[in-house]
Amino acid sequence: MRNSSPAFDGRDLERSITQLLTAAIDDVVPGEAPYYVQHSPFERETMLPAPAQPPAYDLAFVLRADPRVMWPAEAKILNSPRAMADYLADIRDQFLTCRYAPFVASGTMLGYLLDGSEQETLTNIAARLGMEFEDNVPGSPVRSHRSSVHDRTVPVGKSYPTPFRCHHVILGFHGLERERPQLPSDRPPPSGPC
């Protein structure tokens, strides 16, 4: 995907990138694959009682034989290599509580980095998680993909898999910017008679 794509919408940059990424992945997944890729699928297994809405992944690889089984990817915009509070919160509050990925032993965090180094971002994520990454991409040390292994808190009465492997993929989108909503104080005063 190209950073200069006119299809990236700065008003909703995370969803815009993810929607296009999902389509790009779908273009290369063979038709006979045992899974399909889906943008924003719902995780009904961990849905709270009505009227709650089920959690939705940014994208997931859904098993054709059992669509309840999804390998999810959650995306976050990272303005810099140090701006990662939301990224880390999704790992701790969603993946490690089994709210996300209850039926699988791994998932992915996608970091859409707007400025700075992908490698520095990975170093900072490992430091903030308090662990060393495993380099699970043989022969590609410069690829911005690492993984960490965590114990999950499995709800009572459930037999979800643990430990959990979280893949960390940092994609550089240098030069893209989020549009900020214009606040009333930023707007010019009305012209004309009062």
C-alpha atoms as a PDB file:
ATOM      1  CA  MET A   1       0.000   0.000   0.000  1.00  0.00           C
ATOM      2  CA  ARG A   2       1.300   3.400  -0.845  1.00  0.00           C
ATOM      3  CA  ASN A   3       1.363   6.250   1.658  1.00  0.00           C
ATOM      4  CA  SER A   4       0.317   8.670  -1.058  1.00  0.00           C
ATOM      5  CA  SER A   5      -2.910   6.814  -1.803  1.00  0.00           C
ATOM      6  CA  PRO A   6      -5.745   9.330  -2.143  1.00  0.00           C
ATOM      7  CA  ALA A   7      -7.998   6.677  -0.594  1.00  0.00           C
ATOM      8  CA  PHE A   8      -6.575   7.226   2.901  1.00  0.00           C
ATOM      9  CA  ASP A   9      -9.068   9.340   4.798  1.00  0.00           C
ATOM     10  CA  GLY A  10      -7.473  11.461   7.523  1.00  0.00           C
ATOM     11  CA  ARG A  11     -10.816  11.882   9.285  1.00  0.00           C
ATOM     12  CA  ASP A  12     -10.769   8.186  10.215  1.00  0.00           C
ATOM     13  CA  LEU A  13      -7.222   7.141   9.400  1.00  0.00           C
ATOM     14  CA  GLU A  14      -7.066   3.856  11.328  1.00  0.00           C
ATOM     15  CA  ARG A  15     -10.205   2.428   9.726  1.00  0.00           C
ATOM     16  CA  SER A  16      -9.251   3.824   6.335  1.00  0.00           C
ATOM     17  CA  ILE A  17      -5.845   2.108   6.344  1.00  0.00           C
ATOM     18  CA  THR A  18      -7.289  -1.123   7.735  1.00  0.00           C
ATOM     19  CA  GLN A  19     -10.060  -1.271   5.155  1.00  0.00           C
ATOM     20  CA  LEU A  20      -7.538  -0.927   2.324  1.00  0.00           C
ATOM     21  CA  LEU A  21      -5.122  -3.358   3.995  1.00  0.00           C
ATOM     22  CA  THR A  22      -7.918  -5.935   4.262  1.00  0.00           C
ATOM     23  CA  ALA A  23      -8.620  -5.602   0.533  1.00  0.00           C
ATOM     24  CA  ALA A  24      -4.893  -5.911  -0.279  1.00  0.00           C
ATOM     25  CA  ILE A  25      -4.621  -9.086   1.821  1.00  0.00           C
ATOM     26  CA  ASP A  26      -7.774 -10.491   0.229  1.00  0.00           C
ATOM     27  CA  ASP A  27      -6.191  -9.980  -3.202  1.00  0.00           C
ATOM     28  CA  VAL A  28      -3.360 -12.391  -2.346  1.00  0.00           C
ATOM     29  CA  VAL A  29      -5.249 -15.027  -0.330  1.00  0.00           C
ATOM     30  CA  PRO A  30      -5.856 -18.022  -2.589  1.00  0.00           C
ATOM     31  CA  GLY A  31      -9.505 -18.881  -3.168  1.00  0.00           C
ATOM     32  CA  GLU A  32      -9.065 -22.387  -1.774  1.00  0.00           C
ATOM     33  CA  ALA A  33      -7.578 -21.161   1.526  1.00  0.00           C
ATOM     34  CA  PRO A  34      -9.290 -22.582   4.633  1.00  0.00           C
ATOM     35  CA  TYR A  35      -9.934 -19.025   5.821  1.00  0.00           C
ATOM     36  CA  TYR A  36     -11.041 -15.657   4.502  1.00  0.00           C
ATOM     37  CA  VAL A  37     -10.105 -12.169   5.626  1.00  0.00           C
ATOM     38  CA  GLN A  38     -12.835  -9.889   6.967  1.00  0.00           C
ATOM     39  CA  HIS A  39     -12.847  -6.231   8.007  1.00  0.00           C
ATOM     40  CA  SER A  40     -14.520  -5.540  11.397  1.00  0.00           C
ATOM     41  CA  PRO A  41     -15.933  -8.997  12.237  1.00  0.00           C
ATOM     42  CA  PHE A  42     -17.760  -9.384  15.540  1.00  0.00           C
ATOM     43  CA  GLU A  43     -16.553 -11.648  18.358  1.00  0.00           C
ATOM     44  CA  ARG A  44     -19.811 -13.042  19.718  1.00  0.00           C
ATOM     45  CA  GLU A  45     -18.194 -15.523  22.124  1.00  0.00           C
ATOM     46  CA  THR A  46     -17.204 -12.776  24.569  1.00  0.00           C
ATOM     47  CA  MET A  47     -20.198 -10.483  24.042  1.00  0.00           C
ATOM     48  CA  LEU A  48     -21.686  -9.177  27.279  1.00  0.00           C
ATOM     49  CA  PRO A  49     -25.450  -9.580  27.902  1.00  0.00           C
ATOM     50  CA  ALA A  50     -27.886  -7.488  25.832  1.00  0.00           C
ATOM     51  CA  PRO A  51     -28.051  -4.645  25.035  1.00  0.00           C
ATOM     52  CA  ALA A  52     -24.242  -4.770  24.776  1.00  0.00           C
ATOM     53  CA  GLN A  53     -22.645  -4.911  21.354  1.00  0.00           C
ATOM     54  CA  PRO A  54     -20.053  -7.610  20.648  1.00  0.00           C
ATOM     55  CA  PRO A  55     -16.424  -6.572  20.362  1.00  0.00           C
ATOM     56  CA  ALA A  56     -15.251  -6.121  16.773  1.00  0.00           C
ATOM     57  CA  TYR A  57     -11.750  -6.735  15.460  1.00  0.00           C
ATOM     58  CA  ASP A  58     -10.179  -4.344  12.995  1.00  0.00           C
ATOM     59  CA  LEU A  59      -9.612  -7.339  10.737  1.00  0.00           C
ATOM     60  CA  ALA A  60      -9.505 -11.089  11.157  1.00  0.00           C
ATOM     61  CA  PHE A  61      -8.754 -14.272   9.307  1.00  0.00           C
ATOM     62  CA  VAL A  62     -11.936 -16.307   9.723  1.00  0.00           C
ATOM     63  CA  LEU A  63     -11.900 -20.105   9.561  1.00  0.00           C
ATOM     64  CA  ARG A  64     -14.326 -21.257   6.862  1.00  0.00           C
ATOM     65  CA  ALA A  65     -15.114 -24.532   8.666  1.00  0.00           C
ATOM     66  CA  ASP A  66     -16.086 -22.701  11.880  1.00  0.00           C
ATOM     67  CA  PRO A  67     -16.568 -18.913  11.566  1.00  0.00           C
ATOM     68  CA  ARG A  68     -16.478 -18.563  15.363  1.00  0.00           C
ATOM     69  CA  VAL A  69     -12.736 -19.206  15.104  1.00  0.00           C
ATOM     70  CA  MET A  70     -10.959 -16.027  14.065  1.00  0.00           C
ATOM     71  CA  TRP A  71      -7.310 -15.028  14.076  1.00  0.00           C
ATOM     72  CA  PRO A  72      -7.611 -11.304  14.834  1.00  0.00           C
ATOM     73  CA  ALA A  73      -5.538  -8.242  14.126  1.00  0.00           C
ATOM     74  CA  GLU A  74      -6.134  -5.056  16.061  1.00  0.00           C
ATOM     75  CA  ALA A  75      -4.768  -1.806  14.608  1.00  0.00           C
ATOM     76  CA  LYS A  76      -3.663   1.412  16.247  1.00  0.00           C
ATOM     77  CA  ILE A  77      -2.336   4.686  14.879  1.00  0.00           C
ATOM     78  CA  LEU A  78       1.045   5.479  16.446  1.00  0.00           C
ATOM     79  CA  ASN A  79       1.955   9.141  16.007  1.00  0.00           C
ATOM     80  CA  SER A  80       5.529   8.412  17.103  1.00  0.00           C
ATOM     81  CA  PRO A  81       7.634   5.534  18.474  1.00  0.00           C
ATOM     82  CA  ARG A  82       6.673   6.569  22.018  1.00  0.00           C
ATOM     83  CA  ALA A  83       2.916   7.178  21.605  1.00  0.00           C
ATOM     84  CA  MET A  84       1.553   3.732  22.355  1.00  0.00           C
ATOM     85  CA  ALA A  85      -0.889   3.845  25.286  1.00  0.00           C
ATOM     86  CA  ASP A  86      -3.867   2.620  23.227  1.00  0.00           C
ATOM     87  CA  TYR A  87      -1.731  -0.068  21.573  1.00  0.00           C
ATOM     88  CA  LEU A  88      -0.610  -1.467  24.934  1.00  0.00           C
ATOM     89  CA  ALA A  89      -4.111  -1.188  26.412  1.00  0.00           C
ATOM     90  CA  ASP A  90      -5.527  -3.472  23.718  1.00  0.00           C
ATOM     91  CA  ILE A  91      -2.928  -6.121  24.512  1.00  0.00           C
ATOM     92  CA  ARG A  92      -3.552  -5.994  28.252  1.00  0.00           C
ATOM     93  CA  ASP A  93      -7.298  -5.311  28.332  1.00  0.00           C
ATOM     94  CA  GLN A  94      -8.500  -7.273  25.313  1.00  0.00           C
ATOM     95  CA  PHE A  95      -6.102 -10.050  24.250  1.00  0.00           C
ATOM     96  CA  LEU A  96      -4.787 -11.037  27.692  1.00  0.00           C
ATOM     97  CA  THR A  97      -8.276 -11.130  29.236  1.00  0.00           C
ATOM     98  CA  CYS A  98      -9.528 -13.427  26.432  1.00  0.00           C
ATOM     99  CA  ARG A  99     -12.087 -10.822  25.338  1.00  0.00           C
ATOM    100  CA  TYR A 100     -10.257 -10.925  22.000  1.00  0.00           C
ATOM    101  CA  ALA A 101      -9.088 -14.171  20.370  1.00  0.00           C
ATOM    102  CA  PRO A 102     -10.767 -16.569  22.802  1.00  0.00           C
ATOM    103  CA  PHE A 103     -10.467 -19.621  20.538  1.00  0.00           C
ATOM    104  CA  VAL A 104      -6.911 -19.100  19.270  1.00  0.00           C
ATOM    105  CA  ALA A 105      -3.485 -18.936  20.906  1.00  0.00           C
ATOM    106  CA  SER A 106      -2.245 -15.874  19.014  1.00  0.00           C
ATOM    107  CA  GLY A 107      -3.237 -12.606  17.414  1.00  0.00           C
ATOM    108  CA  THR A 108      -1.663  -9.492  15.966  1.00  0.00           C
ATOM    109  CA  MET A 109      -1.291  -5.869  16.897  1.00  0.00           C
ATOM    110  CA  LEU A 110      -0.773  -3.638  13.863  1.00  0.00           C
ATOM    111  CA  GLY A 111       0.899  -0.310  14.525  1.00  0.00           C
ATOM    112  CA  TYR A 112       0.428   2.303  11.807  1.00  0.00           C
ATOM    113  CA  LEU A 113       3.426   4.536  12.494  1.00  0.00           C
ATOM    114  CA  LEU A 114       3.069   8.101  11.216  1.00  0.00           C
ATOM    115  CA  ASP A 115       6.530   9.370  12.192  1.00  0.00           C
ATOM    116  CA  GLY A 116       9.763   7.794  13.396  1.00  0.00           C
ATOM    117  CA  SER A 117      11.522   4.458  13.254  1.00  0.00           C
ATOM    118  CA  GLU A 118       9.706   1.137  13.131  1.00  0.00           C
ATOM    119  CA  GLN A 119      12.597  -0.575  14.952  1.00  0.00           C
ATOM    120  CA  GLU A 120      12.598   2.061  17.719  1.00  0.00           C
ATOM    121  CA  THR A 121       8.851   1.547  18.087  1.00  0.00           C
ATOM    122  CA  LEU A 122       9.321  -2.207  18.555  1.00  0.00           C
ATOM    123  CA  THR A 123      12.077  -1.577  21.113  1.00  0.00           C
ATOM    124  CA  ASN A 124       9.763   0.760  23.046  1.00  0.00           C
ATOM    125  CA  ILE A 125       6.862  -1.715  22.952  1.00  0.00           C
ATOM    126  CA  ALA A 126       9.075  -4.466  24.390  1.00  0.00           C
ATOM    127  CA  ALA A 127      10.309  -2.125  27.128  1.00  0.00           C
ATOM    128  CA  ARG A 128       6.778  -1.021  28.041  1.00  0.00           C
ATOM    129  CA  LEU A 129       5.603  -4.647  28.127  1.00  0.00           C
ATOM    130  CA  GLY A 130       8.615  -5.486  30.301  1.00  0.00           C
ATOM    131  CA  MET A 131       9.801  -8.361  28.123  1.00  0.00           C
ATOM    132  CA  GLU A 132      12.105  -9.273  25.302  1.00  0.00           C
ATOM    133  CA  PHE A 133      10.640 -10.039  21.924  1.00  0.00           C
ATOM    134  CA  GLU A 134      11.148 -13.267  20.119  1.00  0.00           C
ATOM    135  CA  ASP A 135      12.342 -12.702  16.573  1.00  0.00           C
ATOM    136  CA  ASN A 136      10.101 -15.140  14.756  1.00  0.00           C
ATOM    137  CA  VAL A 137      10.763 -14.014  11.213  1.00  0.00           C
ATOM    138  CA  PRO A 138      13.751 -16.135  10.142  1.00  0.00           C
ATOM    139  CA  GLY A 139      16.069 -14.514   7.632  1.00  0.00           C
ATOM    140  CA  SER A 140      14.418 -11.108   7.894  1.00  0.00           C
ATOM    141  CA  PRO A 141      15.924  -9.236  10.866  1.00  0.00           C
ATOM    142  CA  VAL A 142      14.979  -5.825   9.476  1.00  0.00           C
ATOM    143  CA  ARG A 143      11.315  -6.674   9.016  1.00  0.00           C
ATOM    144  CA  SER A 144       9.218  -4.779  11.554  1.00  0.00           C
ATOM    145  CA  HIS A 145       7.611  -7.908  13.019  1.00  0.00           C
ATOM    146  CA  ARG A 146       8.301  -9.410  16.424  1.00  0.00           C
ATOM    147  CA  SER A 147       6.299 -11.464  18.895  1.00  0.00           C
ATOM    148  CA  SER A 148       5.831 -11.733  22.631  1.00  0.00           C
ATOM    149  CA  VAL A 149       4.394 -14.600  24.669  1.00  0.00           C
ATOM    150  CA  HIS A 150       2.030 -13.905  27.568  1.00  0.00           C
ATOM    151  CA  ASP A 151      -0.041 -15.826  30.075  1.00  0.00           C
ATOM    152  CA  ARG A 152      -3.718 -15.007  29.721  1.00  0.00           C
ATOM    153  CA  THR A 153      -6.385 -14.744  32.378  1.00  0.00           C
ATOM    154  CA  VAL A 154      -8.922 -17.339  31.261  1.00  0.00           C
ATOM    155  CA  PRO A 155     -12.460 -16.810  32.596  1.00  0.00           C
ATOM    156  CA  VAL A 156     -13.761 -19.422  35.027  1.00  0.00           C
ATOM    157  CA  GLY A 157     -15.477 -22.270  33.215  1.00  0.00           C
ATOM    158  CA  LYS A 158     -13.714 -21.624  29.901  1.00  0.00           C
ATOM    159  CA  SER A 159     -10.865 -23.569  28.346  1.00  0.00           C
ATOM    160  CA  TYR A 160      -9.398 -20.910  26.076  1.00  0.00           C
ATOM    161  CA  PRO A 161      -5.771 -21.434  25.031  1.00  0.00           C
ATOM    162  CA  THR A 162      -2.925 -20.003  27.050  1.00  0.00           C
ATOM    163  CA  PRO A 163      -0.123 -18.959  26.704  1.00  0.00           C
ATOM    164  CA  PHE A 164      -0.906 -16.330  24.092  1.00  0.00           C
ATOM    165  CA  ARG A 165       1.514 -15.170  21.379  1.00  0.00           C
ATOM    166  CA  CYS A 166       1.049 -11.552  20.346  1.00  0.00           C
ATOM    167  CA  HIS A 167       2.566 -10.626  16.990  1.00  0.00           C
ATOM    168  CA  HIS A 168       3.653  -6.998  16.692  1.00  0.00           C
ATOM    169  CA  VAL A 169       3.763  -5.614  13.146  1.00  0.00           C
ATOM    170  CA  ILE A 170       4.727  -1.967  12.676  1.00  0.00           C
ATOM    171  CA  LEU A 171       3.910  -0.454   9.294  1.00  0.00           C
ATOM    172  CA  GLY A 172       5.348   2.943   8.390  1.00  0.00           C
ATOM    173  CA  PHE A 173       2.902   5.490   6.993  1.00  0.00           C
ATOM    174  CA  HIS A 174       5.249   8.456   7.257  1.00  0.00           C
ATOM    175  CA  GLY A 175       3.737  11.701   6.080  1.00  0.00           C
ATOM    176  CA  LEU A 176       0.114  10.730   6.681  1.00  0.00           C
ATOM    177  CA  GLU A 177      -1.771  12.845   9.188  1.00  0.00           C
ATOM    178  CA  ARG A 178      -5.003  12.508  11.058  1.00  0.00           C
ATOM    179  CA  GLU A 179      -7.446  15.299  10.451  1.00  0.00           C
ATOM    180  CA  ARG A 180      -8.396  16.977  13.681  1.00  0.00           C
ATOM    181  CA  PRO A 181     -11.975  18.134  14.113  1.00  0.00           C
ATOM    182  CA  GLN A 182     -12.300  21.876  14.037  1.00  0.00           C
ATOM    183  CA  LEU A 183     -13.278  23.175  17.472  1.00  0.00           C
ATOM    184  CA  PRO A 184     -15.746  26.068  17.782  1.00  0.00           C
ATOM    185  CA  SER A 185     -12.926  28.269  19.136  1.00  0.00           C
ATOM    186  CA  ASP A 186     -10.886  27.528  15.974  1.00  0.00           C
ATOM    187  CA  ARG A 187     -13.603  28.679  13.595  1.00  0.00           C
ATOM    188  CA  PRO A 188     -13.556  32.213  12.234  1.00  0.00           C
ATOM    189  CA  PRO A 189     -16.251  34.519  13.635  1.00  0.00           C
ATOM    190  CA  PRO A 190     -19.367  34.865  11.490  1.00  0.00           C
ATOM    191  CA  SER A 191     -19.303  37.796   9.119  1.00  0.00           C
ATOM    192  CA  GLY A 192     -22.123  40.143   8.371  1.00  0.00           C
ATOM    193  CA  PRO A 193     -24.532  42.200  10.476  1.00  0.00           C
ATOM    194  CA  CYS A 194     -25.053  41.170  14.079  1.00  0.00           C
END
